[in-house]
């Protein structure tokens, strides 16, 4: 007669079989996700899951006493993991308590400001005009590289509060009166990180450099890529002859943006030595064109001026429960979140290496033009936070090695923020959440590093 299993043994079998089933499901999910997004699998996570599956199957075959002990260890580990996950989840959500969160979407913020008598407008991204290669203005084609001037601009919200700033005379995030020869020592061209997503006015890189005595001009905007930045250099930087140009490069999407930008013939013309749209003298035309553009899209294309609608309470709870079940916060801390050399939008997949020759040509032109007025170009390399949550410190992640090789070949000084982040024990503390821009601490650390590197190079006296 077959011996009846004890309750302890039944418990052990349930735990070990369940564990093996979870490992199999997780491996299948990783394979399916990799196949559907055409992205590489996180080999570190695959190795851990495979090892766990094999150990679970082996444990099912060993003597009963060992099996029970192993099942208890597995059960205790799972309970401990979810306790840690819950603590990390609570810590994360404490940063975004309901008292600190503005529940409105961007359109609602704009409408409320206008009701209060404020002439508020959304920040318009230049990247929107790449497909049409500009906008029609008085029967002429113009490619605006700045924004609507001297308006209250509603931008983004990653910390619970919307970033609202007053645009300067050319639509950028600056004080008035900087577009004159000899006024600024440094000009920054770049994307949303340069603009200051999503921190309050005064916490962006240029503002922090100004606080240190280095008068700086911020020419950043969300979605800018290398061709738009070359255009900014020609239109807004060259006429004022700053001693320093900071080319702020974000590895996460700059080469992706270049794939779109190269389709715009007006942007490609900036590779020609003498080409210019004379945008400094056409701000009235730019304002009229952008205002017309925004008004035409106000109701038809809400994504231009409104964030995605806030989740309902039920959806928000469901999403948070799914994150906790998947140990999303713990896996992030352990570097087990799958990433790839792609944006979060799987529809925008690019081959980075095909963009490198044009990128090199753009950087060559930027360096030559800066040197032409006696200035000096610096290449500021901003890594993605995913690099550190997945321990991708070295190698060609996001084609880092290829990009830096181009910079070195052209003799452009490199200010590599990776040198700072790789030593930081808590890189996630520098962003509101994984996938976001820097928080105030992150931008402050970045500006400190840029300032220190400039002082070491000593291209000019900084007081």
Protein backbone atom coordinates (compact mmCIF):
# COMPACT_ATOMS: atom_id res chain seq x y z
CA UNK A 1 0.00 0.00 0.00
CA UNK A 2 1.35 3.37 -1.04
CA UNK A 3 2.46 5.55 1.87
CA UNK A 4 0.25 8.63 2.35
CA UNK A 5 2.08 11.90 1.89
CA UNK A 6 2.44 14.13 4.90
CA UNK A 7 1.02 17.65 4.84
CA UNK A 8 4.56 19.02 4.91
CA UNK A 9 5.49 17.01 1.82
CA UNK A 10 2.33 18.07 -0.02
CA UNK A 11 3.18 21.69 0.85
CA UNK A 12 6.72 21.18 -0.48
CA UNK A 13 5.47 19.67 -3.75
CA UNK A 14 3.00 22.52 -4.27
CA UNK A 15 5.70 25.13 -3.63
CA UNK A 16 8.30 23.52 -5.89
CA UNK A 17 5.89 22.71 -8.74
CA UNK A 18 4.47 26.21 -8.52
CA UNK A 19 7.97 27.67 -8.55
CA UNK A 20 8.92 25.66 -11.63
CA UNK A 21 5.71 26.78 -13.37
CA UNK A 22 6.48 30.42 -12.58
CA UNK A 23 9.99 30.09 -14.02
CA UNK A 24 8.61 28.47 -17.20
CA UNK A 25 5.98 31.21 -17.57
CA UNK A 26 8.56 33.94 -17.03
CA UNK A 27 10.91 32.47 -19.64
CA UNK A 28 8.07 32.17 -22.15
CA UNK A 29 7.02 35.76 -21.45
CA UNK A 30 10.58 37.04 -22.01
CA UNK A 31 10.86 35.14 -25.29
CA UNK A 32 7.46 36.39 -26.50
CA UNK A 33 8.26 40.01 -25.54
CA UNK A 34 11.65 39.87 -27.24
CA UNK A 35 10.15 38.39 -30.42
CA UNK A 36 7.22 40.82 -30.62
CA UNK A 37 9.39 43.94 -29.99
CA UNK A 38 12.37 42.64 -31.97
CA UNK A 39 14.60 43.44 -29.02
CA UNK A 40 17.37 41.44 -27.33
CA UNK A 41 16.55 39.38 -24.26
CA UNK A 42 18.10 40.28 -20.91
CA UNK A 43 20.54 37.37 -20.75
CA UNK A 44 21.24 37.95 -17.08
CA UNK A 45 17.57 37.45 -16.25
CA UNK A 46 17.26 34.44 -18.57
CA UNK A 47 20.23 32.78 -16.86
CA UNK A 48 18.72 33.34 -13.41
CA UNK A 49 15.31 32.02 -14.47
CA UNK A 50 16.79 28.95 -16.18
CA UNK A 51 18.94 28.17 -13.16
CA UNK A 52 15.93 28.53 -10.89
CA UNK A 53 13.87 26.20 -13.10
CA UNK A 54 16.56 23.50 -13.10
CA UNK A 55 17.01 23.72 -9.35
CA UNK A 56 13.24 23.45 -8.84
CA UNK A 57 13.05 20.31 -10.99
CA UNK A 58 16.01 18.76 -9.20
CA UNK A 59 14.49 19.57 -5.80
CA UNK A 60 11.35 17.62 -6.74
CA UNK A 61 13.44 14.44 -7.06
CA UNK A 62 15.48 14.52 -3.85
CA UNK A 63 14.74 12.97 -0.45
CA UNK A 64 11.65 14.17 1.39
CA UNK A 65 13.35 15.95 4.29
CA UNK A 66 15.59 17.97 1.97
CA UNK A 67 12.64 18.75 -0.27
CA UNK A 68 10.64 20.14 2.63
CA UNK A 69 13.56 22.29 3.80
CA UNK A 70 14.16 23.65 0.31
CA UNK A 71 10.46 24.43 -0.08
CA UNK A 72 10.53 26.35 3.20
CA UNK A 73 13.56 28.34 1.98
CA UNK A 74 11.81 29.11 -1.31
CA UNK A 75 8.61 30.13 0.44
CA UNK A 76 10.49 32.33 2.93
CA UNK A 77 12.49 33.96 0.10
CA UNK A 78 9.34 34.76 -1.88
CA UNK A 79 7.67 36.27 1.18
CA UNK A 80 10.78 38.33 1.92
CA UNK A 81 11.00 39.49 -1.71
CA UNK A 82 7.42 40.73 -1.67
CA UNK A 83 7.99 42.47 1.66
CA UNK A 84 10.93 44.35 0.11
CA UNK A 85 8.87 45.04 -3.00
CA UNK A 86 6.08 46.51 -0.89
CA UNK A 87 8.52 48.78 0.96
CA UNK A 88 10.03 50.00 -2.32
CA UNK A 89 6.54 50.55 -3.74
CA UNK A 90 5.51 52.62 -0.72
CA UNK A 91 8.74 54.66 -0.87
CA UNK A 92 8.15 55.34 -4.56
CA UNK A 93 4.55 56.43 -4.06
CA UNK A 94 5.39 58.65 -1.09
CA UNK A 95 7.19 60.90 -3.57
CA UNK A 96 3.88 61.35 -5.40
CA UNK A 97 1.35 61.71 -2.61
CA UNK A 98 -2.05 63.02 -3.64
CA UNK A 99 -1.30 66.38 -2.02
CA UNK A 100 1.64 66.87 -4.39
CA UNK A 101 0.02 65.70 -7.61
CA UNK A 102 -1.77 67.97 -10.06
CA UNK A 103 -4.51 65.70 -11.47
CA UNK A 104 -5.19 67.89 -14.52
CA UNK A 105 -3.93 67.12 -18.00
CA UNK A 106 -2.03 69.78 -19.92
CA UNK A 107 -5.06 71.00 -21.84
CA UNK A 108 -6.92 71.60 -18.57
CA UNK A 109 -3.95 73.53 -17.17
CA UNK A 110 -3.86 75.73 -20.27
CA UNK A 111 -7.58 76.36 -20.11
CA UNK A 112 -7.48 77.25 -16.41
CA UNK A 113 -4.62 79.68 -16.94
CA UNK A 114 -6.46 81.37 -19.81
CA UNK A 115 -9.61 81.68 -17.73
CA UNK A 116 -7.44 83.43 -15.13
CA UNK A 117 -6.29 85.89 -17.80
CA UNK A 118 -2.87 84.36 -18.48
CA UNK A 119 -1.76 84.14 -22.13
CA UNK A 120 -0.69 80.50 -21.86
CA UNK A 121 0.48 78.22 -24.66
CA UNK A 122 1.90 74.70 -24.98
CA UNK A 123 5.57 74.16 -25.71
CA UNK A 124 5.77 73.31 -29.42
CA UNK A 125 8.36 70.73 -30.41
CA UNK A 126 10.31 71.46 -33.56
CA UNK A 127 10.40 67.75 -34.32
CA UNK A 128 6.71 67.94 -35.31
CA UNK A 129 7.70 69.67 -38.56
CA UNK A 130 10.21 67.14 -39.90
CA UNK A 131 7.67 65.19 -41.94
CA UNK A 132 6.43 68.30 -43.74
CA UNK A 133 9.91 69.86 -43.76
CA UNK A 134 8.59 73.04 -42.18
CA UNK A 135 5.40 75.09 -42.05
CA UNK A 136 3.74 77.35 -44.60
CA UNK A 137 4.02 81.01 -43.67
CA UNK A 138 2.75 83.79 -45.99
CA UNK A 139 3.17 81.43 -48.93
CA UNK A 140 6.76 80.72 -47.88
CA UNK A 141 8.08 77.63 -46.16
CA UNK A 142 9.71 78.19 -42.77
CA UNK A 143 11.15 75.68 -40.34
CA UNK A 144 10.82 77.21 -36.84
CA UNK A 145 13.57 76.08 -34.48
CA UNK A 146 12.40 78.15 -31.51
CA UNK A 147 9.01 78.62 -29.90
CA UNK A 148 6.36 81.28 -29.44
CA UNK A 149 8.03 84.29 -27.84
CA UNK A 150 7.24 85.98 -24.53
CA UNK A 151 4.41 83.67 -23.52
CA UNK A 152 3.57 81.61 -20.46
CA UNK A 153 4.50 78.09 -21.55
CA UNK A 154 3.04 74.92 -20.06
CA UNK A 155 5.35 72.02 -20.59
CA UNK A 156 5.55 68.71 -18.72
CA UNK A 157 4.80 66.96 -15.45
CA UNK A 158 6.98 64.15 -14.09
CA UNK A 159 7.13 65.15 -10.44
CA UNK A 160 3.43 65.79 -9.82
CA UNK A 161 3.48 69.48 -10.75
CA UNK A 162 3.48 71.05 -14.23
CA UNK A 163 6.53 72.95 -15.40
CA UNK A 164 5.44 76.44 -16.42
CA UNK A 165 7.91 79.08 -17.60
CA UNK A 166 7.94 82.41 -19.41
CA UNK A 167 9.55 82.07 -22.84
CA UNK A 168 12.18 84.56 -23.95
CA UNK A 169 12.10 86.71 -27.08
CA UNK A 170 12.71 83.65 -29.28
CA UNK A 171 10.57 81.12 -27.43
CA UNK A 172 13.23 79.39 -25.32
CA UNK A 173 13.55 78.86 -21.56
CA UNK A 174 15.75 81.88 -20.72
CA UNK A 175 15.64 85.34 -19.18
CA UNK A 176 15.17 88.13 -21.71
CA UNK A 177 18.04 89.96 -23.40
CA UNK A 178 20.65 87.24 -23.99
CA UNK A 179 20.77 87.31 -27.81
CA UNK A 180 23.45 89.96 -28.16
CA UNK A 181 27.11 89.60 -28.97
CA UNK A 182 29.21 89.39 -25.82
CA UNK A 183 26.32 88.83 -23.37
CA UNK A 184 26.67 85.06 -22.89
CA UNK A 185 29.82 82.99 -22.53
CA UNK A 186 28.17 79.62 -23.11
CA UNK A 187 25.32 78.38 -25.30
CA UNK A 188 23.67 74.98 -24.83
CA UNK A 189 22.02 73.09 -27.68
CA UNK A 190 20.17 69.87 -26.97
CA UNK A 191 16.85 68.20 -26.36
CA UNK A 192 14.47 67.98 -23.39
CA UNK A 193 17.32 67.42 -20.93
CA UNK A 194 18.79 70.76 -22.00
CA UNK A 195 15.39 72.47 -21.84
CA UNK A 196 14.91 71.20 -18.28
CA UNK A 197 12.30 68.42 -18.34
CA UNK A 198 10.63 68.29 -15.87
CA UNK A 199 12.01 70.59 -13.20
CA UNK A 200 10.93 74.04 -12.14
CA UNK A 201 12.34 77.21 -13.77
CA UNK A 202 15.83 77.89 -12.47
CA UNK A 203 16.67 74.20 -12.03
CA UNK A 204 17.74 73.53 -15.65
CA UNK A 205 21.41 73.23 -16.64
CA UNK A 206 21.79 76.74 -18.08
CA UNK A 207 20.19 78.39 -15.05
CA UNK A 208 22.44 76.47 -12.68
CA UNK A 209 25.51 77.45 -14.71
CA UNK A 210 24.40 81.08 -14.58
CA UNK A 211 24.17 80.76 -10.80
CA UNK A 212 27.83 79.72 -10.82
CA UNK A 213 28.87 82.82 -12.76
CA UNK A 214 28.88 81.34 -16.26
CA UNK A 215 26.34 83.32 -18.30
CA UNK A 216 24.55 80.70 -20.40
CA UNK A 217 21.88 80.49 -23.10
CA UNK A 218 19.45 77.53 -23.11
CA UNK A 219 18.45 76.46 -26.65
CA UNK A 220 16.99 73.08 -25.72
CA UNK A 221 13.63 71.61 -26.72
CA UNK A 222 12.04 68.21 -26.43
CA UNK A 223 12.66 65.96 -29.42
CA UNK A 224 15.60 67.90 -30.82
CA UNK A 225 18.17 65.80 -32.62
CA UNK A 226 21.58 66.54 -34.16
CA UNK A 227 20.30 68.27 -37.35
CA UNK A 228 17.98 70.61 -35.46
CA UNK A 229 20.82 71.36 -33.05
CA UNK A 230 23.11 72.23 -35.97
CA UNK A 231 20.38 74.59 -37.18
CA UNK A 232 20.18 76.17 -33.71
CA UNK A 233 23.92 76.68 -33.78
CA UNK A 234 23.70 78.51 -37.11
CA UNK A 235 20.58 80.58 -36.39
CA UNK A 236 20.91 81.54 -32.72
CA UNK A 237 24.46 80.80 -31.52
CA UNK A 238 26.74 81.94 -34.31
CA UNK A 239 25.40 85.54 -34.36
CA UNK A 240 26.26 86.08 -30.67
CA UNK A 241 29.73 84.42 -30.66
CA UNK A 242 29.82 82.71 -27.26
CA UNK A 243 33.19 81.37 -26.11
CA UNK A 244 31.71 77.96 -25.28
CA UNK A 245 29.13 75.78 -27.02
CA UNK A 246 27.85 72.78 -25.05
CA UNK A 247 26.47 70.13 -27.40
CA UNK A 248 24.31 68.07 -25.00
CA UNK A 249 23.88 64.57 -26.41
CA UNK A 250 21.40 62.07 -24.93
CA UNK A 251 22.23 58.51 -25.90
CA UNK A 252 18.66 57.31 -25.44
CA UNK A 253 17.19 58.90 -28.56
CA UNK A 254 19.43 61.42 -30.36
CA UNK A 255 20.32 59.04 -33.19
CA UNK A 256 16.68 57.98 -33.42
CA UNK A 257 15.69 61.63 -33.86
CA UNK A 258 18.32 61.95 -36.58
CA UNK A 259 16.60 59.20 -38.57
CA UNK A 260 13.49 61.41 -38.72
CA UNK A 261 15.33 64.72 -39.18
CA UNK A 262 17.28 63.62 -42.23
CA UNK A 263 13.98 63.33 -44.13
CA UNK A 264 13.48 67.12 -43.84
CA UNK A 265 15.21 68.84 -46.75
CA UNK A 266 15.31 72.21 -44.98
CA UNK A 267 17.20 70.69 -42.07
CA UNK A 268 19.65 68.89 -44.34
CA UNK A 269 20.51 72.24 -45.91
CA UNK A 270 22.18 73.28 -42.66
CA UNK A 271 25.09 71.09 -43.71
CA UNK A 272 25.77 73.70 -46.41
CA UNK A 273 28.25 76.29 -45.24
CA UNK A 274 26.29 79.49 -45.90
CA UNK A 275 22.72 78.32 -45.41
CA UNK A 276 20.48 80.17 -42.95
CA UNK A 277 16.78 80.96 -42.56
CA UNK A 278 17.68 84.19 -40.69
CA UNK A 279 15.35 83.16 -37.88
CA UNK A 280 16.63 85.79 -35.46
CA UNK A 281 15.02 88.45 -37.63
CA UNK A 282 11.78 86.53 -38.31
CA UNK A 283 10.33 86.07 -34.82
CA UNK A 284 7.08 87.83 -35.66
CA UNK A 285 6.57 85.45 -38.57
CA UNK A 286 7.53 82.47 -36.38
CA UNK A 287 5.04 83.51 -33.68
CA UNK A 288 2.19 83.93 -36.16
CA UNK A 289 2.96 80.60 -37.84
CA UNK A 290 3.23 78.64 -34.58
CA UNK A 291 0.11 80.22 -33.09
CA UNK A 292 -1.83 79.28 -36.22
CA UNK A 293 -0.39 75.78 -36.07
CA UNK A 294 -1.28 75.26 -32.39
CA UNK A 295 -4.80 76.61 -32.85
CA UNK A 296 -5.39 74.28 -35.80
CA UNK A 297 -4.32 71.31 -33.68
CA UNK A 298 -5.99 72.37 -30.44
CA UNK A 299 -8.94 70.02 -30.77
CA UNK A 300 -7.81 67.70 -33.56
CA UNK A 301 -4.51 66.58 -32.08
CA UNK A 302 -4.73 66.81 -28.32
CA UNK A 303 -1.43 64.92 -27.83
CA UNK A 304 0.29 68.11 -29.01
CA UNK A 305 -1.03 70.08 -26.06
CA UNK A 306 -2.31 67.51 -23.61
CA UNK A 307 -0.76 64.62 -21.77
CA UNK A 308 -2.45 61.27 -21.82
CA UNK A 309 -5.58 61.34 -19.62
CA UNK A 310 -4.92 60.44 -16.02
CA UNK A 311 -5.69 56.87 -15.04
CA UNK A 312 -8.96 56.30 -13.26
CA UNK A 313 -8.69 55.15 -9.65
CA UNK A 314 -9.55 51.58 -10.63
CA UNK A 315 -7.02 51.55 -13.49
CA UNK A 316 -4.35 53.06 -11.25
CA UNK A 317 -4.86 50.42 -8.56
CA UNK A 318 -4.84 47.61 -11.14
CA UNK A 319 -1.61 48.89 -12.68
CA UNK A 320 0.10 49.17 -9.29
CA UNK A 321 -0.98 45.66 -8.29
CA UNK A 322 0.48 44.29 -11.54
CA UNK A 323 3.76 46.07 -10.86
CA UNK A 324 4.00 44.61 -7.36
CA UNK A 325 3.10 41.09 -8.52
CA UNK A 326 5.88 41.31 -11.13
CA UNK A 327 8.31 42.61 -8.47
CA UNK A 328 8.86 45.62 -10.73
CA UNK A 329 10.56 47.81 -8.10
CA UNK A 330 12.79 45.08 -6.70
CA UNK A 331 13.86 43.93 -10.17
CA UNK A 332 14.71 47.53 -11.02
CA UNK A 333 16.97 47.78 -7.98
CA UNK A 334 18.68 44.49 -8.89
CA UNK A 335 19.23 45.48 -12.52
CA UNK A 336 16.85 42.87 -13.91
CA UNK A 337 14.63 45.14 -16.01
CA UNK A 338 14.92 44.28 -19.68
CA UNK A 339 16.11 47.16 -21.87
CA UNK A 340 17.35 47.50 -25.41
CA UNK A 341 18.76 50.09 -27.77
CA UNK A 342 15.28 51.30 -28.62
CA UNK A 343 12.76 53.79 -27.38
CA UNK A 344 9.72 52.66 -25.45
CA UNK A 345 7.72 52.96 -28.66
CA UNK A 346 8.38 49.72 -30.58
CA UNK A 347 7.18 51.40 -33.78
CA UNK A 348 10.30 53.57 -33.82
CA UNK A 349 13.06 51.06 -34.35
CA UNK A 350 16.27 52.28 -35.91
CA UNK A 351 19.67 50.97 -36.88
CA UNK A 352 21.96 53.33 -35.04
CA UNK A 353 25.03 52.55 -37.09
CA UNK A 354 23.39 53.77 -40.29
CA UNK A 355 23.04 57.21 -38.67
CA UNK A 356 26.69 57.51 -37.59
CA UNK A 357 28.18 58.83 -40.88
CA UNK A 358 25.65 61.69 -41.00
CA UNK A 359 26.11 62.30 -37.28
CA UNK A 360 29.86 62.61 -37.84
CA UNK A 361 29.26 65.07 -40.69
CA UNK A 362 26.96 67.17 -38.49
CA UNK A 363 29.41 67.24 -35.61
CA UNK A 364 32.24 68.17 -37.97
CA UNK A 365 30.24 71.12 -39.30
CA UNK A 366 29.31 72.22 -35.76
CA UNK A 367 32.93 72.10 -34.63
CA UNK A 368 34.19 74.03 -37.65
CA UNK A 369 31.56 76.75 -37.31
CA UNK A 370 32.22 77.17 -33.61
CA UNK A 371 35.95 77.41 -34.19
CA UNK A 372 35.26 79.88 -37.01
CA UNK A 373 34.19 82.62 -34.57
CA UNK A 374 36.85 81.66 -32.00
CA UNK A 375 34.59 79.56 -29.81
CA UNK A 376 35.11 76.05 -28.48
CA UNK A 377 32.68 73.15 -28.84
CA UNK A 378 32.25 70.66 -25.99
CA UNK A 379 30.40 67.36 -26.33
CA UNK A 380 28.34 66.56 -23.20
CA UNK A 381 27.43 62.86 -23.12
CA UNK A 382 24.27 61.98 -21.15
CA UNK A 383 23.73 58.23 -20.58
CA UNK A 384 20.35 56.64 -19.94
CA UNK A 385 19.55 55.56 -16.40
CA UNK A 386 18.83 52.08 -17.83
CA UNK A 387 22.57 51.74 -18.31
CA UNK A 388 22.96 51.54 -14.52
CA UNK A 389 19.82 49.62 -13.61
CA UNK A 390 21.02 46.88 -15.98
CA UNK A 391 24.75 47.18 -15.24
CA UNK A 392 25.52 48.09 -18.85
CA UNK A 393 28.49 50.17 -17.72
CA UNK A 394 30.77 49.50 -20.63
CA UNK A 395 30.65 48.30 -24.19
CA UNK A 396 28.65 49.65 -27.07
CA UNK A 397 25.26 49.97 -25.35
CA UNK A 398 23.37 52.59 -27.41
CA UNK A 399 26.46 52.70 -29.66
CA UNK A 400 28.30 54.64 -26.99
CA UNK A 401 31.76 53.54 -28.15
CA UNK A 402 31.06 54.53 -31.77
CA UNK A 403 29.74 57.97 -30.82
CA UNK A 404 32.64 58.73 -28.49
CA UNK A 405 35.12 57.52 -31.13
CA UNK A 406 33.70 60.14 -33.52
CA UNK A 407 34.02 62.84 -30.86
CA UNK A 408 37.65 61.91 -30.15
CA UNK A 409 38.50 61.70 -33.84
CA UNK A 410 37.25 65.25 -34.37
CA UNK A 411 39.28 66.50 -31.41
CA UNK A 412 36.20 67.75 -29.55
CA UNK A 413 36.56 67.84 -25.73
CA UNK A 414 34.31 65.27 -24.08
CA UNK A 415 32.35 65.91 -20.89
CA UNK A 416 31.14 62.40 -20.08
CA UNK A 417 28.47 62.30 -17.34
CA UNK A 418 28.88 58.52 -17.30
CA UNK A 419 32.04 59.09 -15.26
CA UNK A 420 29.85 60.50 -12.48
CA UNK A 421 26.84 58.19 -12.71
CA UNK A 422 28.86 54.98 -12.75
CA UNK A 423 30.23 55.89 -9.31
CA UNK A 424 26.84 56.85 -7.88
CA UNK A 425 25.47 54.18 -5.51
CA UNK A 426 21.86 55.30 -6.13
CA UNK A 427 21.48 56.52 -9.75
CA UNK A 428 17.70 56.07 -9.50
CA UNK A 429 17.67 58.77 -6.83
CA UNK A 430 18.50 61.28 -9.59
CA UNK A 431 15.21 60.69 -11.47
CA UNK A 432 11.56 60.81 -10.30
CA UNK A 433 11.11 57.29 -11.63
CA UNK A 434 12.77 54.94 -14.11
CA UNK A 435 12.41 56.31 -17.64
CA UNK A 436 11.96 59.93 -16.53
CA UNK A 437 14.28 62.92 -16.93
CA UNK A 438 16.54 64.05 -14.11
CA UNK A 439 15.08 65.56 -10.98
CA UNK A 440 16.52 68.72 -9.39
CA UNK A 441 19.31 66.72 -7.74
CA UNK A 442 20.23 65.11 -11.07
CA UNK A 443 20.43 68.41 -12.93
CA UNK A 444 22.42 69.96 -10.09
CA UNK A 445 24.93 67.10 -10.18
CA UNK A 446 25.19 67.42 -13.97
CA UNK A 447 25.74 71.19 -13.90
CA UNK A 448 28.38 70.80 -11.18
CA UNK A 449 30.22 68.27 -13.33
CA UNK A 450 30.04 70.40 -16.48
CA UNK A 451 31.26 73.45 -14.57
CA UNK A 452 34.17 71.55 -13.02
CA UNK A 453 35.21 70.15 -16.41
CA UNK A 454 35.12 73.59 -18.01
CA UNK A 455 37.23 75.04 -15.23
CA UNK A 456 39.80 72.27 -15.62
CA UNK A 457 40.03 72.95 -19.35
CA UNK A 458 40.13 76.70 -18.63
CA UNK A 459 39.03 77.99 -22.08
CA UNK A 460 37.99 81.24 -20.41
CA UNK A 461 37.95 82.93 -17.05
CA UNK A 462 34.94 81.84 -15.03
CA UNK A 463 34.16 83.95 -11.97
